[in-house]
Amino acid sequence: MEKADLSASIRNVADFPKPGIGFKDITTLLKDPVAFRSCLDATQALIPENIDAVVGTESRGFIFGAPLADRLGASFIPARKPGKLPAETISTQYELEYGNDSLEMHRDAIQPGQKIVIIDDLLATGGTAAATARLIEELGGTIEKILFLIELTFLSGRQALANYDVDSLIKYDSE
């Protein structure tokens, strides 16, 4: 099977969502079936065995998390923005690189002791992933790995995730 150069599949959009930000656009990777499959293959290779669930963070973490959960025979659990989940939830607030936000999960999404992998598209400051980890741990889950397609190393997001096993497929040392 053909493999793609994943970094060549990412488009940089200058000054989005605000001036000075170099947005890493993954839609160019997603529209290329070879690149998308290569991304899933490379991510799957980093996941420990015997995972019970994959947690994908809204919304781009869903794109990678759901097919990976299917490949692994694990459940998929969404971490969502407030008001999007219909049953009883738990929530946490966090800081973004340019604002504040919060995430929720269903209170019954994870059983104590379940082995969890968190998947998201981008590691910037680490706030979203750290918030997701807090929700999982509040429910009694054990985080085995946190995985990202892209890591913006110049924003030092790994510091917020220092207690976890973190990997990324593509690293950018500057915007």
N, C-alpha and C. Protein backbone atom coordinates (compact mmCIF):
# COMPACT_ATOMS: atom_id res chain seq x y z
N MET A 1 0.84 -1.18 0.00
CA MET A 1 0.00 0.00 0.00
C MET A 1 0.89 1.25 0.00
N GLU A 2 0.53 2.22 -0.80
CA GLU A 2 1.27 3.47 -0.92
C GLU A 2 1.17 4.27 0.38
N LYS A 3 2.28 4.93 0.76
CA LYS A 3 2.29 5.79 1.95
C LYS A 3 2.44 7.24 1.51
N ALA A 4 1.84 8.12 2.27
CA ALA A 4 1.88 9.54 1.94
C ALA A 4 2.84 10.28 2.86
N ASP A 5 3.40 11.37 2.37
CA ASP A 5 4.16 12.31 3.20
C ASP A 5 3.12 13.19 3.88
N LEU A 6 2.86 12.91 5.15
CA LEU A 6 1.77 13.59 5.84
C LEU A 6 1.97 15.10 5.93
N SER A 7 3.19 15.53 6.20
CA SER A 7 3.41 16.99 6.33
C SER A 7 3.14 17.70 5.01
N ALA A 8 3.39 17.04 3.89
CA ALA A 8 3.11 17.65 2.58
C ALA A 8 1.61 17.77 2.32
N SER A 9 0.82 17.05 3.11
CA SER A 9 -0.63 17.06 2.94
C SER A 9 -1.33 18.11 3.79
N ILE A 10 -0.57 18.87 4.58
CA ILE A 10 -1.14 19.89 5.46
C ILE A 10 -0.95 21.27 4.81
N ARG A 11 -2.04 22.03 4.73
CA ARG A 11 -1.98 23.38 4.16
C ARG A 11 -1.85 24.39 5.29
N ASN A 12 -0.95 25.35 5.13
CA ASN A 12 -0.82 26.44 6.11
C ASN A 12 -1.64 27.63 5.63
N VAL A 13 -2.53 28.11 6.47
CA VAL A 13 -3.36 29.27 6.14
C VAL A 13 -2.94 30.42 7.05
N ALA A 14 -2.35 31.44 6.47
CA ALA A 14 -1.85 32.59 7.23
C ALA A 14 -3.01 33.42 7.79
N ASP A 15 -2.78 33.94 8.99
CA ASP A 15 -3.70 34.89 9.64
C ASP A 15 -5.11 34.34 9.85
N PHE A 16 -5.20 33.06 10.21
CA PHE A 16 -6.48 32.46 10.53
C PHE A 16 -6.34 31.69 11.84
N PRO A 17 -7.22 31.83 12.79
CA PRO A 17 -8.46 32.61 12.80
C PRO A 17 -8.28 34.08 13.14
N LYS A 18 -7.03 34.49 13.42
CA LYS A 18 -6.78 35.92 13.65
C LYS A 18 -5.38 36.24 13.16
N PRO A 19 -5.07 37.51 12.96
CA PRO A 19 -3.75 37.89 12.45
C PRO A 19 -2.61 37.33 13.31
N GLY A 20 -1.59 36.84 12.62
CA GLY A 20 -0.42 36.30 13.30
C GLY A 20 -0.46 34.79 13.53
N ILE A 21 -1.63 34.18 13.32
CA ILE A 21 -1.75 32.73 13.50
C ILE A 21 -1.55 32.05 12.15
N GLY A 22 -0.72 31.03 12.13
CA GLY A 22 -0.55 30.19 10.93
C GLY A 22 -1.33 28.91 11.13
N PHE A 23 -2.54 28.84 10.63
CA PHE A 23 -3.45 27.71 10.84
C PHE A 23 -3.03 26.51 10.02
N LYS A 24 -2.92 25.36 10.66
CA LYS A 24 -2.57 24.11 9.98
C LYS A 24 -3.87 23.43 9.56
N ASP A 25 -4.18 23.50 8.29
CA ASP A 25 -5.44 23.01 7.73
C ASP A 25 -5.31 21.55 7.33
N ILE A 26 -6.04 20.67 8.03
CA ILE A 26 -5.97 19.24 7.75
C ILE A 26 -6.95 18.79 6.66
N THR A 27 -7.81 19.69 6.17
CA THR A 27 -8.78 19.27 5.16
C THR A 27 -8.10 18.79 3.89
N THR A 28 -6.91 19.30 3.61
CA THR A 28 -6.17 18.84 2.44
C THR A 28 -5.70 17.40 2.63
N LEU A 29 -5.37 17.00 3.84
CA LEU A 29 -5.02 15.62 4.14
C LEU A 29 -6.26 14.73 4.05
N LEU A 30 -7.36 15.20 4.58
CA LEU A 30 -8.59 14.40 4.62
C LEU A 30 -9.14 14.11 3.23
N LYS A 31 -8.94 15.02 2.29
CA LYS A 31 -9.48 14.79 0.94
C LYS A 31 -8.61 13.86 0.11
N ASP A 32 -7.43 13.52 0.62
CA ASP A 32 -6.51 12.61 -0.06
C ASP A 32 -6.61 11.24 0.61
N PRO A 33 -7.26 10.25 -0.03
CA PRO A 33 -7.46 8.96 0.63
C PRO A 33 -6.17 8.25 1.03
N VAL A 34 -5.11 8.42 0.25
CA VAL A 34 -3.83 7.78 0.59
C VAL A 34 -3.24 8.44 1.84
N ALA A 35 -3.29 9.76 1.89
CA ALA A 35 -2.75 10.48 3.05
C ALA A 35 -3.57 10.16 4.31
N PHE A 36 -4.90 10.14 4.18
CA PHE A 36 -5.74 9.86 5.34
C PHE A 36 -5.48 8.44 5.86
N ARG A 37 -5.42 7.47 4.96
CA ARG A 37 -5.14 6.09 5.37
C ARG A 37 -3.76 6.00 6.02
N SER A 38 -2.77 6.67 5.44
CA SER A 38 -1.42 6.67 6.02
C SER A 38 -1.42 7.28 7.41
N CYS A 39 -2.19 8.32 7.59
CA CYS A 39 -2.31 8.97 8.90
C CYS A 39 -2.91 8.00 9.92
N LEU A 40 -3.98 7.32 9.54
CA LEU A 40 -4.60 6.35 10.45
C LEU A 40 -3.66 5.19 10.74
N ASP A 41 -2.95 4.70 9.73
CA ASP A 41 -1.99 3.60 9.93
C ASP A 41 -0.89 4.01 10.90
N ALA A 42 -0.32 5.20 10.69
CA ALA A 42 0.78 5.68 11.54
C ALA A 42 0.30 5.91 12.97
N THR A 43 -0.90 6.43 13.13
CA THR A 43 -1.45 6.65 14.46
C THR A 43 -1.73 5.33 15.16
N GLN A 44 -2.34 4.39 14.44
CA GLN A 44 -2.65 3.09 15.01
C GLN A 44 -1.39 2.39 15.50
N ALA A 45 -0.29 2.55 14.78
CA ALA A 45 0.97 1.90 15.17
C ALA A 45 1.49 2.41 16.52
N LEU A 46 1.05 3.59 16.95
CA LEU A 46 1.50 4.17 18.22
C LEU A 46 0.60 3.82 19.41
N ILE A 47 -0.51 3.16 19.15
CA ILE A 47 -1.48 2.87 20.20
C ILE A 47 -1.13 1.56 20.89
N PRO A 48 -1.06 1.58 22.23
CA PRO A 48 -0.79 0.34 22.97
C PRO A 48 -1.89 -0.70 22.75
N GLU A 49 -1.57 -1.94 23.01
CA GLU A 49 -2.55 -3.03 22.88
C GLU A 49 -3.57 -2.98 24.02
N ASN A 50 -4.68 -3.64 23.81
CA ASN A 50 -5.72 -3.82 24.82
C ASN A 50 -6.36 -2.52 25.29
N ILE A 51 -6.58 -1.61 24.37
CA ILE A 51 -7.26 -0.35 24.68
C ILE A 51 -8.76 -0.62 24.74
N ASP A 52 -9.43 -0.06 25.73
CA ASP A 52 -10.88 -0.23 25.85
C ASP A 52 -11.66 0.81 25.06
N ALA A 53 -11.10 2.04 24.99
CA ALA A 53 -11.84 3.11 24.33
C ALA A 53 -10.89 4.16 23.78
N VAL A 54 -11.36 4.80 22.72
CA VAL A 54 -10.68 5.95 22.14
C VAL A 54 -11.57 7.15 22.40
N VAL A 55 -11.00 8.19 22.99
CA VAL A 55 -11.73 9.43 23.21
C VAL A 55 -11.25 10.44 22.18
N GLY A 56 -12.19 10.95 21.39
CA GLY A 56 -11.90 11.98 20.40
C GLY A 56 -12.44 13.30 20.87
N THR A 57 -11.62 14.33 20.76
CA THR A 57 -12.01 15.66 21.22
C THR A 57 -12.64 16.45 20.08
N GLU A 58 -13.75 17.10 20.38
CA GLU A 58 -14.49 17.86 19.36
C GLU A 58 -13.62 18.91 18.72
N SER A 59 -13.75 19.02 17.46
CA SER A 59 -14.49 18.11 16.59
C SER A 59 -13.55 17.29 15.71
N ARG A 60 -12.35 17.79 15.50
CA ARG A 60 -11.46 17.07 14.58
C ARG A 60 -10.93 15.77 15.17
N GLY A 61 -10.95 15.64 16.48
CA GLY A 61 -10.57 14.36 17.08
C GLY A 61 -11.54 13.25 16.73
N PHE A 62 -12.79 13.62 16.38
CA PHE A 62 -13.77 12.63 15.95
C PHE A 62 -13.35 11.98 14.64
N ILE A 63 -12.78 12.81 13.75
CA ILE A 63 -12.41 12.35 12.41
C ILE A 63 -11.41 11.20 12.48
N PHE A 64 -10.47 11.29 13.41
CA PHE A 64 -9.44 10.26 13.55
C PHE A 64 -9.84 9.20 14.58
N GLY A 65 -10.50 9.61 15.64
CA GLY A 65 -10.82 8.71 16.73
C GLY A 65 -11.81 7.61 16.38
N ALA A 66 -12.87 7.94 15.66
CA ALA A 66 -13.89 6.95 15.35
C ALA A 66 -13.34 5.82 14.46
N PRO A 67 -12.64 6.12 13.36
CA PRO A 67 -12.11 5.00 12.57
C PRO A 67 -11.04 4.20 13.31
N LEU A 68 -10.26 4.87 14.15
CA LEU A 68 -9.24 4.14 14.92
C LEU A 68 -9.91 3.21 15.94
N ALA A 69 -10.96 3.68 16.60
CA ALA A 69 -11.68 2.82 17.54
C ALA A 69 -12.22 1.59 16.81
N ASP A 70 -12.76 1.79 15.63
CA ASP A 70 -13.27 0.67 14.84
C ASP A 70 -12.15 -0.31 14.51
N ARG A 71 -11.01 0.18 14.07
CA ARG A 71 -9.86 -0.68 13.75
C ARG A 71 -9.39 -1.48 14.96
N LEU A 72 -9.48 -0.87 16.14
CA LEU A 72 -8.97 -1.49 17.37
C LEU A 72 -10.00 -2.38 18.07
N GLY A 73 -11.23 -2.35 17.61
CA GLY A 73 -12.28 -3.08 18.30
C GLY A 73 -12.60 -2.47 19.65
N ALA A 74 -12.40 -1.15 19.75
CA ALA A 74 -12.64 -0.40 20.99
C ALA A 74 -13.86 0.49 20.81
N SER A 75 -14.36 1.00 21.93
CA SER A 75 -15.46 1.94 21.82
C SER A 75 -14.91 3.33 21.51
N PHE A 76 -15.78 4.17 20.94
CA PHE A 76 -15.42 5.57 20.68
C PHE A 76 -16.25 6.44 21.60
N ILE A 77 -15.58 7.39 22.26
CA ILE A 77 -16.25 8.29 23.19
C ILE A 77 -15.94 9.72 22.78
N PRO A 78 -16.96 10.53 22.52
CA PRO A 78 -16.72 11.93 22.17
C PRO A 78 -16.58 12.82 23.41
N ALA A 79 -15.62 13.72 23.38
CA ALA A 79 -15.52 14.82 24.35
C ALA A 79 -16.03 16.04 23.60
N ARG A 80 -17.14 16.62 24.07
CA ARG A 80 -17.85 17.62 23.27
C ARG A 80 -17.92 18.98 23.94
N LYS A 81 -18.25 19.96 23.13
CA LYS A 81 -18.53 21.31 23.63
C LYS A 81 -19.83 21.26 24.43
N PRO A 82 -20.04 22.21 25.34
CA PRO A 82 -21.23 22.20 26.20
C PRO A 82 -22.54 22.18 25.42
N GLY A 83 -23.50 21.42 25.96
CA GLY A 83 -24.84 21.39 25.40
C GLY A 83 -25.03 20.47 24.22
N LYS A 84 -24.04 19.69 23.85
CA LYS A 84 -24.14 18.81 22.68
C LYS A 84 -24.49 17.37 23.01
N LEU A 85 -24.33 16.98 24.27
CA LEU A 85 -24.59 15.60 24.67
C LEU A 85 -25.95 15.51 25.37
N PRO A 86 -26.77 14.51 25.04
CA PRO A 86 -28.14 14.48 25.51
C PRO A 86 -28.36 13.93 26.92
N ALA A 87 -27.45 13.12 27.43
CA ALA A 87 -27.64 12.52 28.76
C ALA A 87 -26.84 13.29 29.81
N GLU A 88 -26.81 12.79 31.04
CA GLU A 88 -26.11 13.47 32.13
C GLU A 88 -24.61 13.54 31.82
N THR A 89 -24.03 14.71 32.05
CA THR A 89 -22.62 14.94 31.70
C THR A 89 -21.81 15.41 32.91
N ILE A 90 -20.50 15.33 32.73
CA ILE A 90 -19.55 16.02 33.60
C ILE A 90 -18.84 17.03 32.71
N SER A 91 -18.29 18.09 33.28
CA SER A 91 -17.65 19.10 32.45
C SER A 91 -16.42 19.67 33.15
N THR A 92 -15.58 20.31 32.34
CA THR A 92 -14.41 21.01 32.84
C THR A 92 -14.11 22.19 31.92
N GLN A 93 -13.55 23.24 32.52
CA GLN A 93 -13.15 24.42 31.74
C GLN A 93 -11.65 24.40 31.52
N TYR A 94 -11.20 25.08 30.45
CA TYR A 94 -9.78 25.13 30.13
C TYR A 94 -9.47 26.38 29.31
N GLU A 95 -8.20 26.68 29.21
CA GLU A 95 -7.75 27.82 28.42
C GLU A 95 -7.23 27.36 27.07
N LEU A 96 -7.57 28.10 26.04
CA LEU A 96 -7.06 27.89 24.70
C LEU A 96 -5.93 28.89 24.43
N GLU A 97 -5.28 28.73 23.28
CA GLU A 97 -4.23 29.69 22.94
C GLU A 97 -4.78 31.09 22.72
N TYR A 98 -6.10 31.21 22.45
CA TYR A 98 -6.71 32.53 22.28
C TYR A 98 -8.11 32.59 22.86
N GLY A 99 -8.27 32.14 24.13
CA GLY A 99 -9.55 32.24 24.82
C GLY A 99 -9.78 31.12 25.80
N ASN A 100 -11.01 30.99 26.28
CA ASN A 100 -11.41 29.94 27.22
C ASN A 100 -12.53 29.11 26.61
N ASP A 101 -12.65 27.87 27.08
CA ASP A 101 -13.71 26.99 26.59
C ASP A 101 -13.99 25.93 27.65
N SER A 102 -14.90 25.02 27.35
CA SER A 102 -15.16 23.89 28.24
C SER A 102 -15.53 22.67 27.41
N LEU A 103 -15.38 21.51 28.03
CA LEU A 103 -15.69 20.23 27.41
C LEU A 103 -16.59 19.43 28.33
N GLU A 104 -17.37 18.53 27.73
CA GLU A 104 -18.23 17.64 28.49
C GLU A 104 -18.10 16.22 27.96
N MET A 105 -18.38 15.27 28.84
CA MET A 105 -18.52 13.86 28.47
C MET A 105 -19.72 13.32 29.23
N HIS A 106 -20.34 12.28 28.65
CA HIS A 106 -21.41 11.62 29.38
C HIS A 106 -20.86 11.00 30.65
N ARG A 107 -21.61 11.13 31.72
CA ARG A 107 -21.20 10.60 33.02
C ARG A 107 -20.98 9.08 32.97
N ASP A 108 -21.69 8.38 32.09
CA ASP A 108 -21.56 6.92 31.99
C ASP A 108 -20.66 6.46 30.83
N ALA A 109 -19.86 7.38 30.27
CA ALA A 109 -19.05 7.06 29.09
C ALA A 109 -17.90 6.10 29.39
N ILE A 110 -17.33 6.19 30.58
CA ILE A 110 -16.15 5.41 30.93
C ILE A 110 -16.39 4.72 32.26
N GLN A 111 -15.98 3.47 32.32
CA GLN A 111 -16.05 2.71 33.56
C GLN A 111 -14.69 2.75 34.25
N PRO A 112 -14.66 2.76 35.59
CA PRO A 112 -13.37 2.78 36.30
C PRO A 112 -12.44 1.66 35.83
N GLY A 113 -11.18 2.04 35.59
CA GLY A 113 -10.17 1.08 35.18
C GLY A 113 -10.04 0.89 33.68
N GLN A 114 -10.94 1.44 32.89
CA GLN A 114 -10.83 1.28 31.44
C GLN A 114 -9.57 1.98 30.93
N LYS A 115 -8.92 1.36 29.93
CA LYS A 115 -7.71 1.90 29.32
C LYS A 115 -8.12 2.77 28.13
N ILE A 116 -7.67 4.01 28.17
CA ILE A 116 -8.14 5.02 27.22
C ILE A 116 -6.98 5.63 26.43
N VAL A 117 -7.25 5.90 25.14
CA VAL A 117 -6.36 6.70 24.30
C VAL A 117 -7.13 7.95 23.91
N ILE A 118 -6.48 9.10 24.02
CA ILE A 118 -7.06 10.36 23.57
C ILE A 118 -6.49 10.68 22.20
N ILE A 119 -7.35 11.09 21.27
CA ILE A 119 -6.94 11.44 19.92
C ILE A 119 -7.45 12.85 19.61
N ASP A 120 -6.56 13.68 19.08
CA ASP A 120 -6.96 14.99 18.57
C ASP A 120 -6.06 15.35 17.40
N ASP A 121 -6.44 16.37 16.66
CA ASP A 121 -5.66 16.72 15.48
C ASP A 121 -4.43 17.55 15.81
N LEU A 122 -4.49 18.38 16.87
CA LEU A 122 -3.45 19.37 17.07
C LEU A 122 -3.11 19.56 18.54
N LEU A 123 -1.82 19.55 18.84
CA LEU A 123 -1.32 19.93 20.17
C LEU A 123 -0.71 21.31 20.05
N ALA A 124 -1.33 22.28 20.70
CA ALA A 124 -0.81 23.65 20.73
C ALA A 124 -0.34 23.92 22.16
N THR A 125 -1.20 24.49 23.00
CA THR A 125 -0.81 24.76 24.39
C THR A 125 -1.11 23.60 25.32
N GLY A 126 -1.86 22.62 24.85
CA GLY A 126 -2.18 21.44 25.66
C GLY A 126 -3.43 21.57 26.49
N GLY A 127 -4.10 22.70 26.46
CA GLY A 127 -5.27 22.92 27.31
C GLY A 127 -6.43 21.98 27.02
N THR A 128 -6.72 21.76 25.75
CA THR A 128 -7.84 20.89 25.39
C THR A 128 -7.57 19.45 25.79
N ALA A 129 -6.37 18.97 25.51
CA ALA A 129 -6.02 17.59 25.87
C ALA A 129 -5.98 17.41 27.38
N ALA A 130 -5.46 18.38 28.10
CA ALA A 130 -5.43 18.28 29.57
C ALA A 130 -6.85 18.27 30.14
N ALA A 131 -7.74 19.05 29.55
CA ALA A 131 -9.14 19.05 29.99
C ALA A 131 -9.79 17.70 29.72
N THR A 132 -9.52 17.14 28.55
CA THR A 132 -10.05 15.82 28.21
C THR A 132 -9.54 14.78 29.20
N ALA A 133 -8.27 14.84 29.52
CA ALA A 133 -7.66 13.91 30.48
C ALA A 133 -8.33 14.04 31.85
N ARG A 134 -8.63 15.26 32.28
CA ARG A 134 -9.30 15.46 33.57
C ARG A 134 -10.66 14.77 33.60
N LEU A 135 -11.41 14.90 32.51
CA LEU A 135 -12.72 14.26 32.44
C LEU A 135 -12.60 12.74 32.54
N ILE A 136 -11.66 12.18 31.80
CA ILE A 136 -11.45 10.73 31.80
C ILE A 136 -11.07 10.25 33.19
N GLU A 137 -10.16 10.94 33.82
CA GLU A 137 -9.71 10.54 35.16
C GLU A 137 -10.80 10.72 36.21
N GLU A 138 -11.63 11.75 36.04
CA GLU A 138 -12.75 11.93 36.97
C GLU A 138 -13.71 10.74 36.90
N LEU A 139 -13.83 10.14 35.73
CA LEU A 139 -14.69 8.99 35.55
C LEU A 139 -13.99 7.67 35.89
N GLY A 140 -12.70 7.73 36.24
CA GLY A 140 -11.98 6.53 36.66
C GLY A 140 -11.20 5.83 35.56
N GLY A 141 -11.13 6.42 34.38
CA GLY A 141 -10.37 5.83 33.29
C GLY A 141 -8.87 6.03 33.46
N THR A 142 -8.09 5.17 32.82
CA THR A 142 -6.63 5.25 32.83
C THR A 142 -6.16 5.66 31.44
N ILE A 143 -5.44 6.75 31.36
CA ILE A 143 -4.98 7.25 30.06
C ILE A 143 -3.68 6.56 29.70
N GLU A 144 -3.74 5.77 28.64
CA GLU A 144 -2.57 5.01 28.18
C GLU A 144 -1.71 5.82 27.22
N LYS A 145 -2.33 6.73 26.46
CA LYS A 145 -1.60 7.49 25.45
C LYS A 145 -2.46 8.67 25.03
N ILE A 146 -1.77 9.76 24.64
CA ILE A 146 -2.44 10.90 24.01
C ILE A 146 -1.74 11.12 22.68
N LEU A 147 -2.52 11.12 21.59
CA LEU A 147 -1.97 11.19 20.24
C LEU A 147 -2.51 12.37 19.45
N PHE A 148 -1.63 12.97 18.67
CA PHE A 148 -1.99 14.11 17.83
C PHE A 148 -1.44 13.89 16.43
N LEU A 149 -2.14 14.41 15.45
CA LEU A 149 -1.60 14.45 14.09
C LEU A 149 -0.48 15.48 14.04
N ILE A 150 -0.74 16.68 14.57
CA ILE A 150 0.19 17.81 14.49
C ILE A 150 0.54 18.30 15.89
N GLU A 151 1.81 18.67 16.07
CA GLU A 151 2.26 19.30 17.31
C GLU A 151 2.99 20.59 16.97
N LEU A 152 2.55 21.68 17.56
CA LEU A 152 3.23 22.97 17.42
C LEU A 152 4.20 23.07 18.60
N THR A 153 5.42 22.58 18.42
CA THR A 153 6.36 22.46 19.53
C THR A 153 6.71 23.81 20.14
N PHE A 154 6.66 24.88 19.36
CA PHE A 154 7.02 26.21 19.85
C PHE A 154 6.03 26.75 20.88
N LEU A 155 4.87 26.10 21.02
CA LEU A 155 3.89 26.51 22.03
C LEU A 155 3.99 25.68 23.31
N SER A 156 4.90 24.70 23.34
CA SER A 156 5.22 23.92 24.55
C SER A 156 4.03 23.23 25.19
N GLY A 157 3.12 22.72 24.38
CA GLY A 157 1.93 22.05 24.90
C GLY A 157 2.21 20.79 25.69
N ARG A 158 3.35 20.15 25.44
CA ARG A 158 3.67 18.93 26.19
C ARG A 158 3.83 19.22 27.68
N GLN A 159 4.16 20.44 28.04
CA GLN A 159 4.32 20.77 29.46
C GLN A 159 3.01 20.56 30.21
N ALA A 160 1.88 20.88 29.58
CA ALA A 160 0.58 20.69 30.21
C ALA A 160 0.20 19.21 30.30
N LEU A 161 0.95 18.36 29.57
CA LEU A 161 0.65 16.93 29.52
C LEU A 161 1.83 16.10 30.03
N ALA A 162 2.63 16.70 30.88
CA ALA A 162 3.89 16.07 31.34
C ALA A 162 3.69 14.72 32.01
N ASN A 163 2.52 14.47 32.57
CA ASN A 163 2.27 13.20 33.27
C ASN A 163 1.77 12.09 32.36
N TYR A 164 1.73 12.34 31.06
CA TYR A 164 1.16 11.39 30.12
C TYR A 164 2.16 11.01 29.03
N ASP A 165 1.89 9.87 28.39
CA ASP A 165 2.65 9.42 27.23
C ASP A 165 2.04 10.10 26.01
N VAL A 166 2.78 11.03 25.40
CA VAL A 166 2.27 11.85 24.31
C VAL A 166 3.10 11.59 23.05
N ASP A 167 2.41 11.47 21.92
CA ASP A 167 3.06 11.34 20.62
C ASP A 167 2.34 12.19 19.60
N SER A 168 3.08 12.60 18.57
CA SER A 168 2.49 13.31 17.44
C SER A 168 3.18 12.84 16.17
N LEU A 169 2.46 12.92 15.05
CA LEU A 169 3.01 12.46 13.78
C LEU A 169 3.82 13.53 13.07
N ILE A 170 3.40 14.78 13.19
CA ILE A 170 4.06 15.90 12.50
C ILE A 170 4.36 16.97 13.53
N LYS A 171 5.60 17.48 13.51
CA LYS A 171 5.98 18.55 14.45
C LYS A 171 6.41 19.78 13.67
N TYR A 172 5.89 20.92 14.12
CA TYR A 172 6.28 22.22 13.56
C TYR A 172 7.01 22.98 14.65
N ASP A 173 8.23 23.43 14.37
CA ASP A 173 9.04 24.16 15.35
C ASP A 173 8.79 25.66 15.27
N SER A 174 8.04 26.12 14.27
CA SER A 174 7.68 27.53 14.15
C SER A 174 6.42 27.60 13.30
N GLU A 175 5.79 28.77 13.32
CA GLU A 175 4.57 28.94 12.52
C GLU A 175 4.93 28.97 11.07
